[in-house]
Amino acid sequence: MKSDKIIDAKGLACPMPIVKTKKAMDQLVSGQILEILATDKGAKNDLSAWAKSGGHELLEYTEENGVLKFYLKKG
């Protein structure tokens, strides 16, 4: 999936992946896609809940070699 911006939150514990995601989302316009790389297992629940509460859409979630990849579409 093509993303407009990528943030690397690998090695960061909660709440830092959310903090970095919010800052990056603020720089995007509606409809753009943000790719988030994280290693914190709690990020899956945190990011999906955060996206929903903020009016954004979690398009895709994958895990490969311990790295979680999220694709969020700005609402």
PDB file of N, CA and C in Angstrom:
ATOM      1  N   MET A   1       0.849  -1.182   0.000  1.00  0.00           N
ATOM      2  CA  MET A   1       0.000   0.000   0.000  1.00  0.00           C
ATOM      3  C   MET A   1       0.893   1.243   0.000  1.00  0.00           C
ATOM      4  N   LYS A   2       0.509   2.238  -0.780  1.00  0.00           N
ATOM      5  CA  LYS A   2       1.294   3.465  -0.863  1.00  0.00           C
ATOM      6  C   LYS A   2       0.856   4.412   0.252  1.00  0.00           C
ATOM      7  N   SER A   3       1.838   4.986   0.944  1.00  0.00           N
ATOM      8  CA  SER A   3       1.517   5.939   1.997  1.00  0.00           C
ATOM      9  C   SER A   3       2.096   7.307   1.646  1.00  0.00           C
ATOM     10  N   ASP A   4       1.481   8.350   2.197  1.00  0.00           N
ATOM     11  CA  ASP A   4       1.935   9.706   1.953  1.00  0.00           C
ATOM     12  C   ASP A   4       3.028  10.111   2.935  1.00  0.00           C
ATOM     13  N   LYS A   5       3.051   9.457   4.092  1.00  0.00           N
ATOM     14  CA  LYS A   5       4.041   9.761   5.123  1.00  0.00           C
ATOM     15  C   LYS A   5       4.271   8.498   5.944  1.00  0.00           C
ATOM     16  N   ILE A   6       5.515   8.299   6.390  1.00  0.00           N
ATOM     17  CA  ILE A   6       5.862   7.136   7.212  1.00  0.00           C
ATOM     18  C   ILE A   6       6.478   7.639   8.510  1.00  0.00           C
ATOM     19  N   ILE A   7       6.017   7.080   9.635  1.00  0.00           N
ATOM     20  CA  ILE A   7       6.681   7.381  10.898  1.00  0.00           C
ATOM     21  C   ILE A   7       7.205   6.085  11.499  1.00  0.00           C
ATOM     22  N   ASP A   8       8.355   6.193  12.130  1.00  0.00           N
ATOM     23  CA  ASP A   8       9.007   5.039  12.736  1.00  0.00           C
ATOM     24  C   ASP A   8       8.889   5.158  14.249  1.00  0.00           C
ATOM     25  N   ALA A   9       8.035   4.310  14.837  1.00  0.00           N
ATOM     26  CA  ALA A   9       7.840   4.308  16.282  1.00  0.00           C
ATOM     27  C   ALA A   9       8.375   3.001  16.875  1.00  0.00           C
ATOM     28  N   LYS A  10       9.278   2.348  16.143  1.00  0.00           N
ATOM     29  CA  LYS A  10       9.839   1.085  16.635  1.00  0.00           C
ATOM     30  C   LYS A  10      10.655   1.345  17.894  1.00  0.00           C
ATOM     31  N   GLY A  11      10.508   0.470  18.879  1.00  0.00           N
ATOM     32  CA  GLY A  11      11.254   0.596  20.122  1.00  0.00           C
ATOM     33  C   GLY A  11      10.624   1.545  21.134  1.00  0.00           C
ATOM     34  N   LEU A  12       9.533   2.198  20.745  1.00  0.00           N
ATOM     35  CA  LEU A  12       8.869   3.136  21.652  1.00  0.00           C
ATOM     36  C   LEU A  12       7.696   2.456  22.343  1.00  0.00           C
ATOM     37  N   ALA A  13       7.548   2.740  23.632  1.00  0.00           N
ATOM     38  CA  ALA A  13       6.442   2.178  24.405  1.00  0.00           C
ATOM     39  C   ALA A  13       5.303   3.184  24.460  1.00  0.00           C
ATOM     40  N   CYS A  14       4.136   2.686  24.780  1.00  0.00           N
ATOM     41  CA  CYS A  14       2.951   3.516  24.920  1.00  0.00           C
ATOM     42  C   CYS A  14       3.247   4.640  25.913  1.00  0.00           C
ATOM     43  N   PRO A  15       2.854   5.846  25.679  1.00  0.00           N
ATOM     44  CA  PRO A  15       1.970   6.333  24.619  1.00  0.00           C
ATOM     45  C   PRO A  15       2.702   6.936  23.417  1.00  0.00           C
ATOM     46  N   MET A  16       4.013   6.768  23.325  1.00  0.00           N
ATOM     47  CA  MET A  16       4.778   7.461  22.286  1.00  0.00           C
ATOM     48  C   MET A  16       4.346   7.153  20.842  1.00  0.00           C
ATOM     49  N   PRO A  17       3.991   5.904  20.485  1.00  0.00           N
ATOM     50  CA  PRO A  17       3.510   5.684  19.109  1.00  0.00           C
ATOM     51  C   PRO A  17       2.274   6.535  18.786  1.00  0.00           C
ATOM     52  N   ILE A  18       1.391   6.712  19.760  1.00  0.00           N
ATOM     53  CA  ILE A  18       0.188   7.527  19.556  1.00  0.00           C
ATOM     54  C   ILE A  18       0.571   9.000  19.423  1.00  0.00           C
ATOM     55  N   VAL A  19       1.494   9.455  20.272  1.00  0.00           N
ATOM     56  CA  VAL A  19       1.934  10.856  20.228  1.00  0.00           C
ATOM     57  C   VAL A  19       2.539  11.178  18.859  1.00  0.00           C
ATOM     58  N   LYS A  20       3.417  10.291  18.370  1.00  0.00           N
ATOM     59  CA  LYS A  20       4.046  10.507  17.061  1.00  0.00           C
ATOM     60  C   LYS A  20       3.005  10.439  15.937  1.00  0.00           C
ATOM     61  N   THR A  21       2.050   9.528  16.076  1.00  0.00           N
ATOM     62  CA  THR A  21       0.994   9.386  15.073  1.00  0.00           C
ATOM     63  C   THR A  21       0.147  10.652  15.002  1.00  0.00           C
ATOM     64  N   LYS A  22      -0.229  11.180  16.160  1.00  0.00           N
ATOM     65  CA  LYS A  22      -1.055  12.404  16.190  1.00  0.00           C
ATOM     66  C   LYS A  22      -0.309  13.566  15.536  1.00  0.00           C
ATOM     67  N   LYS A  23       0.956  13.733  15.864  1.00  0.00           N
ATOM     68  CA  LYS A  23       1.742  14.830  15.276  1.00  0.00           C
ATOM     69  C   LYS A  23       1.813  14.692  13.752  1.00  0.00           C
ATOM     70  N   ALA A  24       2.028  13.471  13.276  1.00  0.00           N
ATOM     71  CA  ALA A  24       2.121  13.235  11.829  1.00  0.00           C
ATOM     72  C   ALA A  24       0.771  13.462  11.153  1.00  0.00           C
ATOM     73  N   MET A  25      -0.303  13.013  11.790  1.00  0.00           N
ATOM     74  CA  MET A  25      -1.646  13.180  11.220  1.00  0.00           C
ATOM     75  C   MET A  25      -2.008  14.653  11.081  1.00  0.00           C
ATOM     76  N   ASP A  26      -1.539  15.467  12.023  1.00  0.00           N
ATOM     77  CA  ASP A  26      -1.831  16.900  11.979  1.00  0.00           C
ATOM     78  C   ASP A  26      -1.221  17.561  10.741  1.00  0.00           C
ATOM     79  N   GLN A  27      -0.193  16.944  10.166  1.00  0.00           N
ATOM     80  CA  GLN A  27       0.484  17.502   8.992  1.00  0.00           C
ATOM     81  C   GLN A  27      -0.136  17.027   7.669  1.00  0.00           C
ATOM     82  N   LEU A  28      -1.015  16.049   7.743  1.00  0.00           N
ATOM     83  CA  LEU A  28      -1.631  15.508   6.531  1.00  0.00           C
ATOM     84  C   LEU A  28      -2.969  16.183   6.254  1.00  0.00           C
ATOM     85  N   VAL A  29      -3.411  16.078   5.015  1.00  0.00           N
ATOM     86  CA  VAL A  29      -4.744  16.558   4.666  1.00  0.00           C
ATOM     87  C   VAL A  29      -5.687  15.357   4.576  1.00  0.00           C
ATOM     88  N   SER A  30      -6.959  15.631   4.675  1.00  0.00           N
ATOM     89  CA  SER A  30      -7.964  14.578   4.649  1.00  0.00           C
ATOM     90  C   SER A  30      -7.797  13.673   3.423  1.00  0.00           C
ATOM     91  N   GLY A  31      -7.815  12.361   3.660  1.00  0.00           N
ATOM     92  CA  GLY A  31      -7.689  11.393   2.570  1.00  0.00           C
ATOM     93  C   GLY A  31      -6.279  10.859   2.393  1.00  0.00           C
ATOM     94  N   GLN A  32      -5.281  11.529   2.976  1.00  0.00           N
ATOM     95  CA  GLN A  32      -3.909  11.035   2.863  1.00  0.00           C
ATOM     96  C   GLN A  32      -3.707   9.849   3.806  1.00  0.00           C
ATOM     97  N   ILE A  33      -2.674   9.052   3.501  1.00  0.00           N
ATOM     98  CA  ILE A  33      -2.435   7.821   4.255  1.00  0.00           C
ATOM     99  C   ILE A  33      -1.108   7.910   5.008  1.00  0.00           C
ATOM    100  N   LEU A  34      -1.171   7.554   6.282  1.00  0.00           N
ATOM    101  CA  LEU A  34      -0.001   7.540   7.156  1.00  0.00           C
ATOM    102  C   LEU A  34       0.362   6.091   7.455  1.00  0.00           C
ATOM    103  N   GLU A  35       1.640   5.770   7.278  1.00  0.00           N
ATOM    104  CA  GLU A  35       2.139   4.428   7.614  1.00  0.00           C
ATOM    105  C   GLU A  35       2.903   4.540   8.926  1.00  0.00           C
ATOM    106  N   ILE A  36       2.561   3.685   9.882  1.00  0.00           N
ATOM    107  CA  ILE A  36       3.212   3.689  11.183  1.00  0.00           C
ATOM    108  C   ILE A  36       3.910   2.347  11.389  1.00  0.00           C
ATOM    109  N   LEU A  37       5.186   2.394  11.758  1.00  0.00           N
ATOM    110  CA  LEU A  37       5.954   1.188  12.088  1.00  0.00           C
ATOM    111  C   LEU A  37       6.144   1.179  13.594  1.00  0.00           C
ATOM    112  N   ALA A  38       5.770   0.089  14.248  1.00  0.00           N
ATOM    113  CA  ALA A  38       5.877   0.000  15.704  1.00  0.00           C
ATOM    114  C   ALA A  38       6.260  -1.417  16.115  1.00  0.00           C
ATOM    115  N   THR A  39       6.804  -1.521  17.324  1.00  0.00           N
ATOM    116  CA  THR A  39       7.132  -2.839  17.873  1.00  0.00           C
ATOM    117  C   THR A  39       6.358  -3.110  19.162  1.00  0.00           C
ATOM    118  N   ASP A  40       5.703  -2.106  19.716  1.00  0.00           N
ATOM    119  CA  ASP A  40       4.922  -2.255  20.942  1.00  0.00           C
ATOM    120  C   ASP A  40       3.626  -2.997  20.622  1.00  0.00           C
ATOM    121  N   LYS A  41       3.471  -4.177  21.223  1.00  0.00           N
ATOM    122  CA  LYS A  41       2.292  -5.005  20.929  1.00  0.00           C
ATOM    123  C   LYS A  41       0.980  -4.306  21.273  1.00  0.00           C
ATOM    124  N   GLY A  42       1.013  -3.396  22.244  1.00  0.00           N
ATOM    125  CA  GLY A  42      -0.192  -2.659  22.622  1.00  0.00           C
ATOM    126  C   GLY A  42      -0.620  -1.643  21.585  1.00  0.00           C
ATOM    127  N   ALA A  43       0.257  -1.359  20.632  1.00  0.00           N
ATOM    128  CA  ALA A  43      -0.038  -0.346  19.618  1.00  0.00           C
ATOM    129  C   ALA A  43      -1.244  -0.735  18.766  1.00  0.00           C
ATOM    130  N   LYS A  44      -1.463  -2.023  18.569  1.00  0.00           N
ATOM    131  CA  LYS A  44      -2.589  -2.453  17.725  1.00  0.00           C
ATOM    132  C   LYS A  44      -3.916  -1.941  18.285  1.00  0.00           C
ATOM    133  N   ASN A  45      -4.148  -2.206  19.565  1.00  0.00           N
ATOM    134  CA  ASN A  45      -5.393  -1.736  20.182  1.00  0.00           C
ATOM    135  C   ASN A  45      -5.403  -0.224  20.318  1.00  0.00           C
ATOM    136  N   ASP A  46      -4.261   0.339  20.722  1.00  0.00           N
ATOM    137  CA  ASP A  46      -4.174   1.788  20.933  1.00  0.00           C
ATOM    138  C   ASP A  46      -4.442   2.560  19.652  1.00  0.00           C
ATOM    139  N   LEU A  47      -3.768   2.174  18.570  1.00  0.00           N
ATOM    140  CA  LEU A  47      -3.913   2.919  17.315  1.00  0.00           C
ATOM    141  C   LEU A  47      -5.293   2.757  16.692  1.00  0.00           C
ATOM    142  N   SER A  48      -5.848   1.554  16.775  1.00  0.00           N
ATOM    143  CA  SER A  48      -7.180   1.365  16.187  1.00  0.00           C
ATOM    144  C   SER A  48      -8.222   2.168  16.971  1.00  0.00           C
ATOM    145  N   ALA A  49      -8.104   2.201  18.296  1.00  0.00           N
ATOM    146  CA  ALA A  49      -9.045   2.982  19.112  1.00  0.00           C
ATOM    147  C   ALA A  49      -8.848   4.474  18.880  1.00  0.00           C
ATOM    148  N   TRP A  50      -7.592   4.900  18.789  1.00  0.00           N
ATOM    149  CA  TRP A  50      -7.300   6.317  18.560  1.00  0.00           C
ATOM    150  C   TRP A  50      -7.834   6.765  17.199  1.00  0.00           C
ATOM    151  N   ALA A  51      -7.624   5.952  16.179  1.00  0.00           N
ATOM    152  CA  ALA A  51      -8.086   6.285  14.831  1.00  0.00           C
ATOM    153  C   ALA A  51      -9.603   6.442  14.808  1.00  0.00           C
ATOM    154  N   LYS A  52     -10.282   5.496  15.440  1.00  0.00           N
ATOM    155  CA  LYS A  52     -11.745   5.518  15.460  1.00  0.00           C
ATOM    156  C   LYS A  52     -12.257   6.761  16.187  1.00  0.00           C
ATOM    157  N   SER A  53     -11.655   7.082  17.321  1.00  0.00           N
ATOM    158  CA  SER A  53     -12.115   8.230  18.108  1.00  0.00           C
ATOM    159  C   SER A  53     -11.820   9.553  17.402  1.00  0.00           C
ATOM    160  N   GLY A  54     -10.797   9.552  16.528  1.00  0.00           N
ATOM    161  CA  GLY A  54     -10.431  10.779  15.832  1.00  0.00           C
ATOM    162  C   GLY A  54     -11.062  10.921  14.462  1.00  0.00           C
ATOM    163  N   GLY A  55     -11.882   9.951  14.071  1.00  0.00           N
ATOM    164  CA  GLY A  55     -12.536  10.020  12.771  1.00  0.00           C
ATOM    165  C   GLY A  55     -11.654   9.567  11.615  1.00  0.00           C
ATOM    166  N   HIS A  56     -10.586   8.834  11.941  1.00  0.00           N
ATOM    167  CA  HIS A  56      -9.687   8.308  10.914  1.00  0.00           C
ATOM    168  C   HIS A  56     -10.025   6.835  10.673  1.00  0.00           C
ATOM    169  N   GLU A  57      -9.452   6.271   9.628  1.00  0.00           N
ATOM    170  CA  GLU A  57      -9.770   4.891   9.269  1.00  0.00           C
ATOM    171  C   GLU A  57      -8.502   4.040   9.247  1.00  0.00           C
ATOM    172  N   LEU A  58      -8.529   2.931   9.979  1.00  0.00           N
ATOM    173  CA  LEU A  58      -7.428   1.974   9.933  1.00  0.00           C
ATOM    174  C   LEU A  58      -7.653   1.109   8.699  1.00  0.00           C
ATOM    175  N   LEU A  59      -6.834   1.320   7.672  1.00  0.00           N
ATOM    176  CA  LEU A  59      -7.032   0.624   6.402  1.00  0.00           C
ATOM    177  C   LEU A  59      -6.453  -0.785   6.430  1.00  0.00           C
ATOM    178  N   GLU A  60      -5.280  -0.905   7.039  1.00  0.00           N
ATOM    179  CA  GLU A  60      -4.593  -2.194   7.004  1.00  0.00           C
ATOM    180  C   GLU A  60      -3.650  -2.305   8.187  1.00  0.00           C
ATOM    181  N   TYR A  61      -3.487  -3.534   8.659  1.00  0.00           N
ATOM    182  CA  TYR A  61      -2.564  -3.821   9.753  1.00  0.00           C
ATOM    183  C   TYR A  61      -1.842  -5.119   9.406  1.00  0.00           C
ATOM    184  N   THR A  62      -0.517  -5.100   9.465  1.00  0.00           N
ATOM    185  CA  THR A  62       0.251  -6.310   9.216  1.00  0.00           C
ATOM    186  C   THR A  62       1.352  -6.431  10.268  1.00  0.00           C
ATOM    187  N   GLU A  63       1.860  -7.636  10.420  1.00  0.00           N
ATOM    188  CA  GLU A  63       2.982  -7.865  11.327  1.00  0.00           C
ATOM    189  C   GLU A  63       3.996  -8.727  10.596  1.00  0.00           C
ATOM    190  N   GLU A  64       5.238  -8.270  10.597  1.00  0.00           N
ATOM    191  CA  GLU A  64       6.299  -8.996   9.906  1.00  0.00           C
ATOM    192  C   GLU A  64       7.591  -8.879  10.701  1.00  0.00           C
ATOM    193  N   ASN A  65       8.139 -10.007  11.107  1.00  0.00           N
ATOM    194  CA  ASN A  65       9.391 -10.047  11.878  1.00  0.00           C
ATOM    195  C   ASN A  65       9.340  -9.162  13.121  1.00  0.00           C
ATOM    196  N   GLY A  66       8.202  -9.170  13.804  1.00  0.00           N
ATOM    197  CA  GLY A  66       8.063  -8.402  15.040  1.00  0.00           C
ATOM    198  C   GLY A  66       7.766  -6.926  14.844  1.00  0.00           C
ATOM    199  N   VAL A  67       7.665  -6.484  13.594  1.00  0.00           N
ATOM    200  CA  VAL A  67       7.350  -5.080  13.320  1.00  0.00           C
ATOM    201  C   VAL A  67       5.894  -4.978  12.876  1.00  0.00           C
ATOM    202  N   LEU A  68       5.156  -4.142  13.560  1.00  0.00           N
ATOM    203  CA  LEU A  68       3.751  -3.916  13.233  1.00  0.00           C
ATOM    204  C   LEU A  68       3.665  -2.747  12.263  1.00  0.00           C
ATOM    205  N   LYS A  69       2.884  -2.917  11.217  1.00  0.00           N
ATOM    206  CA  LYS A  69       2.683  -1.851  10.231  1.00  0.00           C
ATOM    207  C   LYS A  69       1.209  -1.500  10.212  1.00  0.00           C
ATOM    208  N   PHE A  70       0.955  -0.205  10.327  1.00  0.00           N
ATOM    209  CA  PHE A  70      -0.417   0.288  10.296  1.00  0.00           C
ATOM    210  C   PHE A  70      -0.543   1.305   9.178  1.00  0.00           C
ATOM    211  N   TYR A  71      -1.665   1.277   8.491  1.00  0.00           N
ATOM    212  CA  TYR A  71      -1.969   2.267   7.481  1.00  0.00           C
ATOM    213  C   TYR A  71      -3.251   2.978   7.903  1.00  0.00           C
ATOM    214  N   LEU A  72      -3.111   4.254   8.236  1.00  0.00           N
ATOM    215  CA  LEU A  72      -4.267   5.042   8.673  1.00  0.00           C
ATOM    216  C   LEU A  72      -4.592   6.096   7.626  1.00  0.00           C
ATOM    217  N   LYS A  73      -5.869   6.207   7.304  1.00  0.00           N
ATOM    218  CA  LYS A  73      -6.339   7.225   6.360  1.00  0.00           C
ATOM    219  C   LYS A  73      -6.926   8.369   7.173  1.00  0.00           C
ATOM    220  N   LYS A  74      -6.424   9.560   6.919  1.00  0.00           N
ATOM    221  CA  LYS A  74      -6.910  10.722   7.677  1.00  0.00           C
ATOM    222  C   LYS A  74      -8.350  11.036   7.295  1.00  0.00           C
ATOM    223  N   GLY A  75      -9.169  11.242   8.316  1.00  0.00           N
ATOM    224  CA  GLY A  75     -10.586  11.533   8.114  1.00  0.00           C
ATOM    225  C   GLY A  75     -10.832  12.983   7.824  1.00  0.00           C
TER     226      GLY A  75
END
